[in-house]
Amino acid sequence: MSHGHDTVNPARCDVQEPYSTWVDCILWDIRLLSTCQAVYRLRGWENSPGATIENIVAKRLNLKVWDEEMYPVCVKKKARKQQRKGKI
């Protein structure tokens, strides 16, 4: 769901070292999050330790928080369109 925004996905980004620990990854993720204006939470985020930390940090940084439940149709349409264009 970019809708004119630059998007980042910490799951698709690599930490500089290939054998980084989970702690290294979450610290890198927090640094990345500090450059954002909003977060988009996927369904089930509460079951992910990393997403839970991201949520806490986002709230402390006063970032906008969007939930998949709020924007599911836009995301699915956008994903299908990108898939057809070979971008996913």
PDB file of N, CA and C in Angstrom:
ATOM      1  N   MET A   1       0.849  -1.179   0.000  1.00  0.00           N
ATOM      2  CA  MET A   1       0.000   0.000   0.000  1.00  0.00           C
ATOM      3  C   MET A   1       0.882   1.226   0.000  1.00  0.00           C
ATOM      4  N   SER A   2       1.384   1.651  -1.132  1.00  0.00           N
ATOM      5  CA  SER A   2       2.252   2.822  -1.144  1.00  0.00           C
ATOM      6  C   SER A   2       1.447   4.109  -1.273  1.00  0.00           C
ATOM      7  N   HIS A   3       0.477   4.162  -2.156  1.00  0.00           N
ATOM      8  CA  HIS A   3      -0.375   5.344  -2.330  1.00  0.00           C
ATOM      9  C   HIS A   3       0.426   6.637  -2.237  1.00  0.00           C
ATOM     10  N   GLY A   4       1.537   6.708  -2.971  1.00  0.00           N
ATOM     11  CA  GLY A   4       2.351   7.909  -2.977  1.00  0.00           C
ATOM     12  C   GLY A   4       3.411   7.964  -1.892  1.00  0.00           C
ATOM     13  N   HIS A   5       3.520   6.915  -1.103  1.00  0.00           N
ATOM     14  CA  HIS A   5       4.517   6.873  -0.040  1.00  0.00           C
ATOM     15  C   HIS A   5       5.664   5.953  -0.440  1.00  0.00           C
ATOM     16  N   ASP A   6       6.848   6.248   0.046  1.00  0.00           N
ATOM     17  CA  ASP A   6       7.951   5.301  -0.077  1.00  0.00           C
ATOM     18  C   ASP A   6       7.731   4.251   0.995  1.00  0.00           C
ATOM     19  N   THR A   7       7.813   2.981   0.634  1.00  0.00           N
ATOM     20  CA  THR A   7       7.558   1.929   1.603  1.00  0.00           C
ATOM     21  C   THR A   7       8.825   1.136   1.889  1.00  0.00           C
ATOM     22  N   VAL A   8       8.916   0.658   3.113  1.00  0.00           N
ATOM     23  CA  VAL A   8      10.015  -0.216   3.511  1.00  0.00           C
ATOM     24  C   VAL A   8       9.413  -1.450   4.159  1.00  0.00           C
ATOM     25  N   ASN A   9      10.070  -2.566   3.969  1.00  0.00           N
ATOM     26  CA  ASN A   9       9.623  -3.813   4.561  1.00  0.00           C
ATOM     27  C   ASN A   9      10.829  -4.441   5.242  1.00  0.00           C
ATOM     28  N   PRO A  10      10.876  -4.412   6.576  1.00  0.00           N
ATOM     29  CA  PRO A  10      12.051  -4.943   7.263  1.00  0.00           C
ATOM     30  C   PRO A  10      12.284  -6.424   6.988  1.00  0.00           C
ATOM     31  N   ALA A  11      11.250  -7.160   6.623  1.00  0.00           N
ATOM     32  CA  ALA A  11      11.416  -8.580   6.313  1.00  0.00           C
ATOM     33  C   ALA A  11      12.166  -8.783   5.000  1.00  0.00           C
ATOM     34  N   ARG A  12      12.154  -7.786   4.150  1.00  0.00           N
ATOM     35  CA  ARG A  12      12.831  -7.893   2.853  1.00  0.00           C
ATOM     36  C   ARG A  12      14.197  -7.217   2.837  1.00  0.00           C
ATOM     37  N   CYS A  13      14.569  -6.615   3.927  1.00  0.00           N
ATOM     38  CA  CYS A  13      15.847  -5.911   3.997  1.00  0.00           C
ATOM     39  C   CYS A  13      16.846  -6.745   4.789  1.00  0.00           C
ATOM     40  N   ASP A  14      18.073  -6.749   4.328  1.00  0.00           N
ATOM     41  CA  ASP A  14      19.113  -7.521   5.003  1.00  0.00           C
ATOM     42  C   ASP A  14      19.941  -6.623   5.891  1.00  0.00           C
ATOM     43  N   VAL A  15      20.292  -7.153   7.044  1.00  0.00           N
ATOM     44  CA  VAL A  15      21.283  -6.497   7.885  1.00  0.00           C
ATOM     45  C   VAL A  15      22.616  -6.751   7.206  1.00  0.00           C
ATOM     46  N   GLN A  16      23.595  -5.904   7.420  1.00  0.00           N
ATOM     47  CA  GLN A  16      24.858  -5.984   6.690  1.00  0.00           C
ATOM     48  C   GLN A  16      25.528  -7.351   6.792  1.00  0.00           C
ATOM     49  N   GLU A  17      25.422  -8.010   7.903  1.00  0.00           N
ATOM     50  CA  GLU A  17      26.084  -9.291   8.071  1.00  0.00           C
ATOM     51  C   GLU A  17      25.097 -10.425   7.818  1.00  0.00           C
ATOM     52  N   PRO A  18      25.485 -11.415   7.036  1.00  0.00           N
ATOM     53  CA  PRO A  18      24.539 -12.477   6.710  1.00  0.00           C
ATOM     54  C   PRO A  18      24.145 -13.366   7.895  1.00  0.00           C
ATOM     55  N   TYR A  19      24.942 -13.403   8.943  1.00  0.00           N
ATOM     56  CA  TYR A  19      24.639 -14.275  10.082  1.00  0.00           C
ATOM     57  C   TYR A  19      24.244 -13.469  11.310  1.00  0.00           C
ATOM     58  N   SER A  20      23.484 -12.425  11.122  1.00  0.00           N
ATOM     59  CA  SER A  20      23.063 -11.565  12.216  1.00  0.00           C
ATOM     60  C   SER A  20      22.078 -12.298  13.121  1.00  0.00           C
ATOM     61  N   THR A  21      22.079 -11.910  14.371  1.00  0.00           N
ATOM     62  CA  THR A  21      21.138 -12.479  15.330  1.00  0.00           C
ATOM     63  C   THR A  21      19.801 -11.756  15.222  1.00  0.00           C
ATOM     64  N   TRP A  22      18.788 -12.306  15.873  1.00  0.00           N
ATOM     65  CA  TRP A  22      17.480 -11.663  15.890  1.00  0.00           C
ATOM     66  C   TRP A  22      17.593 -10.277  16.515  1.00  0.00           C
ATOM     67  N   VAL A  23      18.396 -10.150  17.557  1.00  0.00           N
ATOM     68  CA  VAL A  23      18.579  -8.853  18.222  1.00  0.00           C
ATOM     69  C   VAL A  23      19.184  -7.847  17.248  1.00  0.00           C
ATOM     70  N   ASP A  24      20.194  -8.277  16.465  1.00  0.00           N
ATOM     71  CA  ASP A  24      20.780  -7.380  15.456  1.00  0.00           C
ATOM     72  C   ASP A  24      19.709  -6.910  14.477  1.00  0.00           C
ATOM     73  N   CYS A  25      18.869  -7.843  14.060  1.00  0.00           N
ATOM     74  CA  CYS A  25      17.819  -7.505  13.089  1.00  0.00           C
ATOM     75  C   CYS A  25      16.798  -6.544  13.673  1.00  0.00           C
ATOM     76  N   ILE A  26      16.367  -6.753  14.899  1.00  0.00           N
ATOM     77  CA  ILE A  26      15.347  -5.879  15.486  1.00  0.00           C
ATOM     78  C   ILE A  26      15.931  -4.485  15.763  1.00  0.00           C
ATOM     79  N   LEU A  27      17.199  -4.413  16.129  1.00  0.00           N
ATOM     80  CA  LEU A  27      17.831  -3.100  16.323  1.00  0.00           C
ATOM     81  C   LEU A  27      17.928  -2.351  14.995  1.00  0.00           C
ATOM     82  N   TRP A  28      18.268  -3.069  13.935  1.00  0.00           N
ATOM     83  CA  TRP A  28      18.311  -2.463  12.608  1.00  0.00           C
ATOM     84  C   TRP A  28      16.911  -2.001  12.207  1.00  0.00           C
ATOM     85  N   ASP A  29      15.923  -2.832  12.515  1.00  0.00           N
ATOM     86  CA  ASP A  29      14.526  -2.525  12.208  1.00  0.00           C
ATOM     87  C   ASP A  29      14.078  -1.246  12.931  1.00  0.00           C
ATOM     88  N   ILE A  30      14.464  -1.096  14.183  1.00  0.00           N
ATOM     89  CA  ILE A  30      14.089   0.109  14.940  1.00  0.00           C
ATOM     90  C   ILE A  30      14.729   1.348  14.322  1.00  0.00           C
ATOM     91  N   ARG A  31      15.985   1.229  13.907  1.00  0.00           N
ATOM     92  CA  ARG A  31      16.632   2.368  13.234  1.00  0.00           C
ATOM     93  C   ARG A  31      15.873   2.715  11.954  1.00  0.00           C
ATOM     94  N   LEU A  32      15.480   1.699  11.209  1.00  0.00           N
ATOM     95  CA  LEU A  32      14.714   1.921   9.983  1.00  0.00           C
ATOM     96  C   LEU A  32      13.363   2.571  10.298  1.00  0.00           C
ATOM     97  N   LEU A  33      12.717   2.084  11.327  1.00  0.00           N
ATOM     98  CA  LEU A  33      11.412   2.609  11.735  1.00  0.00           C
ATOM     99  C   LEU A  33      11.507   4.084  12.123  1.00  0.00           C
ATOM    100  N   SER A  34      12.631   4.483  12.680  1.00  0.00           N
ATOM    101  CA  SER A  34      12.791   5.879  13.111  1.00  0.00           C
ATOM    102  C   SER A  34      12.817   6.850  11.938  1.00  0.00           C
ATOM    103  N   THR A  35      12.943   6.330  10.712  1.00  0.00           N
ATOM    104  CA  THR A  35      12.929   7.192   9.522  1.00  0.00           C
ATOM    105  C   THR A  35      11.553   7.254   8.868  1.00  0.00           C
ATOM    106  N   CYS A  36      10.597   6.520   9.425  1.00  0.00           N
ATOM    107  CA  CYS A  36       9.267   6.406   8.821  1.00  0.00           C
ATOM    108  C   CYS A  36       8.280   7.411   9.412  1.00  0.00           C
ATOM    109  N   GLN A  37       7.185   7.619   8.686  1.00  0.00           N
ATOM    110  CA  GLN A  37       6.115   8.489   9.155  1.00  0.00           C
ATOM    111  C   GLN A  37       4.896   7.703   9.612  1.00  0.00           C
ATOM    112  N   ALA A  38       4.845   6.426   9.217  1.00  0.00           N
ATOM    113  CA  ALA A  38       3.693   5.590   9.560  1.00  0.00           C
ATOM    114  C   ALA A  38       4.090   4.121   9.500  1.00  0.00           C
ATOM    115  N   VAL A  39       3.275   3.293  10.125  1.00  0.00           N
ATOM    116  CA  VAL A  39       3.453   1.841  10.017  1.00  0.00           C
ATOM    117  C   VAL A  39       2.129   1.224   9.571  1.00  0.00           C
ATOM    118  N   TYR A  40       2.241   0.118   8.884  1.00  0.00           N
ATOM    119  CA  TYR A  40       1.082  -0.624   8.400  1.00  0.00           C
ATOM    120  C   TYR A  40       1.153  -2.010   9.027  1.00  0.00           C
ATOM    121  N   ARG A  41       0.211  -2.292   9.926  1.00  0.00           N
ATOM    122  CA  ARG A  41       0.227  -3.567  10.646  1.00  0.00           C
ATOM    123  C   ARG A  41      -0.614  -4.600   9.906  1.00  0.00           C
ATOM    124  N   LEU A  42      -0.016  -5.759   9.669  1.00  0.00           N
ATOM    125  CA  LEU A  42      -0.714  -6.866   9.028  1.00  0.00           C
ATOM    126  C   LEU A  42      -1.547  -7.617  10.047  1.00  0.00           C
ATOM    127  N   ARG A  43      -2.533  -8.340   9.560  1.00  0.00           N
ATOM    128  CA  ARG A  43      -3.338  -9.176  10.457  1.00  0.00           C
ATOM    129  C   ARG A  43      -2.423 -10.125  11.224  1.00  0.00           C
ATOM    130  N   GLY A  44      -2.705 -10.273  12.505  1.00  0.00           N
ATOM    131  CA  GLY A  44      -1.920 -11.176  13.340  1.00  0.00           C
ATOM    132  C   GLY A  44      -0.623 -10.595  13.856  1.00  0.00           C
ATOM    133  N   TRP A  45      -0.410  -9.301  13.667  1.00  0.00           N
ATOM    134  CA  TRP A  45       0.847  -8.688  14.106  1.00  0.00           C
ATOM    135  C   TRP A  45       1.097  -8.924  15.589  1.00  0.00           C
ATOM    136  N   GLU A  46       0.012  -9.063  16.367  1.00  0.00           N
ATOM    137  CA  GLU A  46       0.157  -9.231  17.821  1.00  0.00           C
ATOM    138  C   GLU A  46       0.867 -10.533  18.181  1.00  0.00           C
ATOM    139  N   ASN A  47       0.912 -11.463  17.246  1.00  0.00           N
ATOM    140  CA  ASN A  47       1.553 -12.756  17.486  1.00  0.00           C
ATOM    141  C   ASN A  47       3.033 -12.760  17.131  1.00  0.00           C
ATOM    142  N   SER A  48       3.534 -11.649  16.657  1.00  0.00           N
ATOM    143  CA  SER A  48       4.933 -11.539  16.255  1.00  0.00           C
ATOM    144  C   SER A  48       5.701 -10.687  17.260  1.00  0.00           C
ATOM    145  N   PRO A  49       6.738 -11.251  17.882  1.00  0.00           N
ATOM    146  CA  PRO A  49       7.541 -10.445  18.821  1.00  0.00           C
ATOM    147  C   PRO A  49       8.125  -9.193  18.166  1.00  0.00           C
ATOM    148  N   GLY A  50       8.596  -9.330  16.926  1.00  0.00           N
ATOM    149  CA  GLY A  50       9.167  -8.178  16.230  1.00  0.00           C
ATOM    150  C   GLY A  50       8.135  -7.109  15.930  1.00  0.00           C
ATOM    151  N   ALA A  51       6.976  -7.511  15.454  1.00  0.00           N
ATOM    152  CA  ALA A  51       5.913  -6.553  15.151  1.00  0.00           C
ATOM    153  C   ALA A  51       5.401  -5.878  16.421  1.00  0.00           C
ATOM    154  N   THR A  52       5.396  -6.610  17.525  1.00  0.00           N
ATOM    155  CA  THR A  52       4.978  -6.022  18.801  1.00  0.00           C
ATOM    156  C   THR A  52       5.951  -4.914  19.218  1.00  0.00           C
ATOM    157  N   ILE A  53       7.237  -5.174  19.047  1.00  0.00           N
ATOM    158  CA  ILE A  53       8.248  -4.147  19.353  1.00  0.00           C
ATOM    159  C   ILE A  53       8.075  -2.961  18.409  1.00  0.00           C
ATOM    160  N   GLU A  54       7.879  -3.234  17.121  1.00  0.00           N
ATOM    161  CA  GLU A  54       7.654  -2.148  16.156  1.00  0.00           C
ATOM    162  C   GLU A  54       6.454  -1.300  16.559  1.00  0.00           C
ATOM    163  N   ASN A  55       5.403  -1.922  17.013  1.00  0.00           N
ATOM    164  CA  ASN A  55       4.204  -1.201  17.432  1.00  0.00           C
ATOM    165  C   ASN A  55       4.503  -0.273  18.606  1.00  0.00           C
ATOM    166  N   ILE A  56       5.239  -0.774  19.590  1.00  0.00           N
ATOM    167  CA  ILE A  56       5.606   0.040  20.753  1.00  0.00           C
ATOM    168  C   ILE A  56       6.446   1.244  20.317  1.00  0.00           C
ATOM    169  N   VAL A  57       7.440   0.992  19.474  1.00  0.00           N
ATOM    170  CA  VAL A  57       8.316   2.069  18.999  1.00  0.00           C
ATOM    171  C   VAL A  57       7.507   3.082  18.183  1.00  0.00           C
ATOM    172  N   ALA A  58       6.639   2.595  17.315  1.00  0.00           N
ATOM    173  CA  ALA A  58       5.817   3.498  16.491  1.00  0.00           C
ATOM    174  C   ALA A  58       4.965   4.417  17.364  1.00  0.00           C
ATOM    175  N   LYS A  59       4.379   3.859  18.401  1.00  0.00           N
ATOM    176  CA  LYS A  59       3.564   4.684  19.300  1.00  0.00           C
ATOM    177  C   LYS A  59       4.421   5.709  20.033  1.00  0.00           C
ATOM    178  N   ARG A  60       5.612   5.297  20.485  1.00  0.00           N
ATOM    179  CA  ARG A  60       6.513   6.236  21.173  1.00  0.00           C
ATOM    180  C   ARG A  60       6.987   7.355  20.263  1.00  0.00           C
ATOM    181  N   LEU A  61       7.114   7.040  18.967  1.00  0.00           N
ATOM    182  CA  LEU A  61       7.551   8.041  17.989  1.00  0.00           C
ATOM    183  C   LEU A  61       6.377   8.838  17.417  1.00  0.00           C
ATOM    184  N   ASN A  62       5.159   8.541  17.904  1.00  0.00           N
ATOM    185  CA  ASN A  62       3.945   9.216  17.422  1.00  0.00           C
ATOM    186  C   ASN A  62       3.735   9.055  15.915  1.00  0.00           C
ATOM    187  N   LEU A  63       4.031   7.854  15.412  1.00  0.00           N
ATOM    188  CA  LEU A  63       3.817   7.575  14.001  1.00  0.00           C
ATOM    189  C   LEU A  63       2.352   7.227  13.766  1.00  0.00           C
ATOM    190  N   LYS A  64       1.888   7.472  12.563  1.00  0.00           N
ATOM    191  CA  LYS A  64       0.555   7.016  12.186  1.00  0.00           C
ATOM    192  C   LYS A  64       0.594   5.492  12.143  1.00  0.00           C
ATOM    193  N   VAL A  65      -0.493   4.866  12.556  1.00  0.00           N
ATOM    194  CA  VAL A  65      -0.582   3.406  12.530  1.00  0.00           C
ATOM    195  C   VAL A  65      -1.804   3.014  11.718  1.00  0.00           C
ATOM    196  N   TRP A  66      -1.568   2.269  10.647  1.00  0.00           N
ATOM    197  CA  TRP A  66      -2.651   1.782   9.803  1.00  0.00           C
ATOM    198  C   TRP A  66      -2.715   0.269   9.951  1.00  0.00           C
ATOM    199  N   ASP A  67      -3.909  -0.259  10.003  1.00  0.00           N
ATOM    200  CA  ASP A  67      -4.103  -1.696  10.118  1.00  0.00           C
ATOM    201  C   ASP A  67      -4.654  -2.271   8.826  1.00  0.00           C
ATOM    202  N   GLU A  68      -4.265  -3.509   8.543  1.00  0.00           N
ATOM    203  CA  GLU A  68      -4.749  -4.193   7.347  1.00  0.00           C
ATOM    204  C   GLU A  68      -6.276  -4.268   7.331  1.00  0.00           C
ATOM    205  N   GLU A  69      -6.887  -4.407   8.509  1.00  0.00           N
ATOM    206  CA  GLU A  69      -8.342  -4.458   8.584  1.00  0.00           C
ATOM    207  C   GLU A  69      -8.986  -3.167   8.076  1.00  0.00           C
ATOM    208  N   MET A  70      -8.260  -2.063   8.204  1.00  0.00           N
ATOM    209  CA  MET A  70      -8.794  -0.771   7.766  1.00  0.00           C
ATOM    210  C   MET A  70      -8.687  -0.594   6.247  1.00  0.00           C
ATOM    211  N   TYR A  71      -7.669  -1.196   5.641  1.00  0.00           N
ATOM    212  CA  TYR A  71      -7.395  -0.987   4.220  1.00  0.00           C
ATOM    213  C   TYR A  71      -7.196  -2.289   3.448  1.00  0.00           C
ATOM    214  N   PRO A  72      -7.983  -3.329   3.681  1.00  0.00           N
ATOM    215  CA  PRO A  72      -7.706  -4.611   3.024  1.00  0.00           C
ATOM    216  C   PRO A  72      -7.948  -4.606   1.518  1.00  0.00           C
ATOM    217  N   VAL A  73      -8.970  -3.904   1.060  1.00  0.00           N
ATOM    218  CA  VAL A  73      -9.314  -3.927  -0.364  1.00  0.00           C
ATOM    219  C   VAL A  73      -8.238  -3.232  -1.179  1.00  0.00           C
ATOM    220  N   CYS A  74      -7.765  -2.089  -0.711  1.00  0.00           N
ATOM    221  CA  CYS A  74      -6.727  -1.351  -1.429  1.00  0.00           C
ATOM    222  C   CYS A  74      -5.479  -2.199  -1.587  1.00  0.00           C
ATOM    223  N   VAL A  75      -5.094  -2.871  -0.537  1.00  0.00           N
ATOM    224  CA  VAL A  75      -3.872  -3.662  -0.555  1.00  0.00           C
ATOM    225  C   VAL A  75      -4.006  -4.830  -1.523  1.00  0.00           C
ATOM    226  N   LYS A  76      -5.105  -5.536  -1.475  1.00  0.00           N
ATOM    227  CA  LYS A  76      -5.282  -6.691  -2.343  1.00  0.00           C
ATOM    228  C   LYS A  76      -5.332  -6.279  -3.811  1.00  0.00           C
ATOM    229  N   LYS A  77      -6.024  -5.189  -4.119  1.00  0.00           N
ATOM    230  CA  LYS A  77      -6.095  -4.720  -5.499  1.00  0.00           C
ATOM    231  C   LYS A  77      -4.712  -4.301  -5.985  1.00  0.00           C
ATOM    232  N   LYS A  78      -3.985  -3.577  -5.150  1.00  0.00           N
ATOM    233  CA  LYS A  78      -2.651  -3.114  -5.510  1.00  0.00           C
ATOM    234  C   LYS A  78      -1.718  -4.302  -5.727  1.00  0.00           C
ATOM    235  N   ALA A  79      -1.783  -5.298  -4.856  1.00  0.00           N
ATOM    236  CA  ALA A  79      -0.927  -6.474  -4.971  1.00  0.00           C
ATOM    237  C   ALA A  79      -1.228  -7.239  -6.259  1.00  0.00           C
ATOM    238  N   ARG A  80      -2.507  -7.404  -6.577  1.00  0.00           N
ATOM    239  CA  ARG A  80      -2.869  -8.097  -7.817  1.00  0.00           C
ATOM    240  C   ARG A  80      -2.358  -7.344  -9.032  1.00  0.00           C
ATOM    241  N   LYS A  81      -2.484  -6.019  -9.000  1.00  0.00           N
ATOM    242  CA  LYS A  81      -2.030  -5.194 -10.125  1.00  0.00           C
ATOM    243  C   LYS A  81      -0.512  -5.327 -10.294  1.00  0.00           C
ATOM    244  N   GLN A  82       0.229  -5.277  -9.190  1.00  0.00           N
ATOM    245  CA  GLN A  82       1.680  -5.416  -9.259  1.00  0.00           C
ATOM    246  C   GLN A  82       2.075  -6.816  -9.720  1.00  0.00           C
ATOM    247  N   GLN A  83       1.327  -7.814  -9.271  1.00  0.00           N
ATOM    248  CA  GLN A  83       1.623  -9.189  -9.674  1.00  0.00           C
ATOM    249  C   GLN A  83       1.451  -9.341 -11.188  1.00  0.00           C
ATOM    250  N   ARG A  84       0.395  -8.749 -11.729  1.00  0.00           N
ATOM    251  CA  ARG A  84       0.174  -8.811 -13.174  1.00  0.00           C
ATOM    252  C   ARG A  84       1.300  -8.127 -13.933  1.00  0.00           C
ATOM    253  N   LYS A  85       1.850  -7.069 -13.362  1.00  0.00           N
ATOM    254  CA  LYS A  85       2.929  -6.330 -14.028  1.00  0.00           C
ATOM    255  C   LYS A  85       4.293  -6.972 -13.771  1.00  0.00           C
ATOM    256  N   GLY A  86       4.322  -8.046 -12.967  1.00  0.00           N
ATOM    257  CA  GLY A  86       5.575  -8.744 -12.686  1.00  0.00           C
ATOM    258  C   GLY A  86       6.444  -8.073 -11.653  1.00  0.00           C
ATOM    259  N   LYS A  87       5.856  -7.191 -10.834  1.00  0.00           N
ATOM    260  CA  LYS A  87       6.633  -6.470  -9.830  1.00  0.00           C
ATOM    261  C   LYS A  87       6.741  -7.231  -8.510  1.00  0.00           C
ATOM    262  N   ILE A  88       5.963  -8.285  -8.345  1.00  0.00           N
ATOM    263  CA  ILE A  88       6.030  -9.057  -7.100  1.00  0.00           C
ATOM    264  C   ILE A  88       6.589 -10.420  -7.420  1.00  0.00           C
TER     265      ILE A  88
END
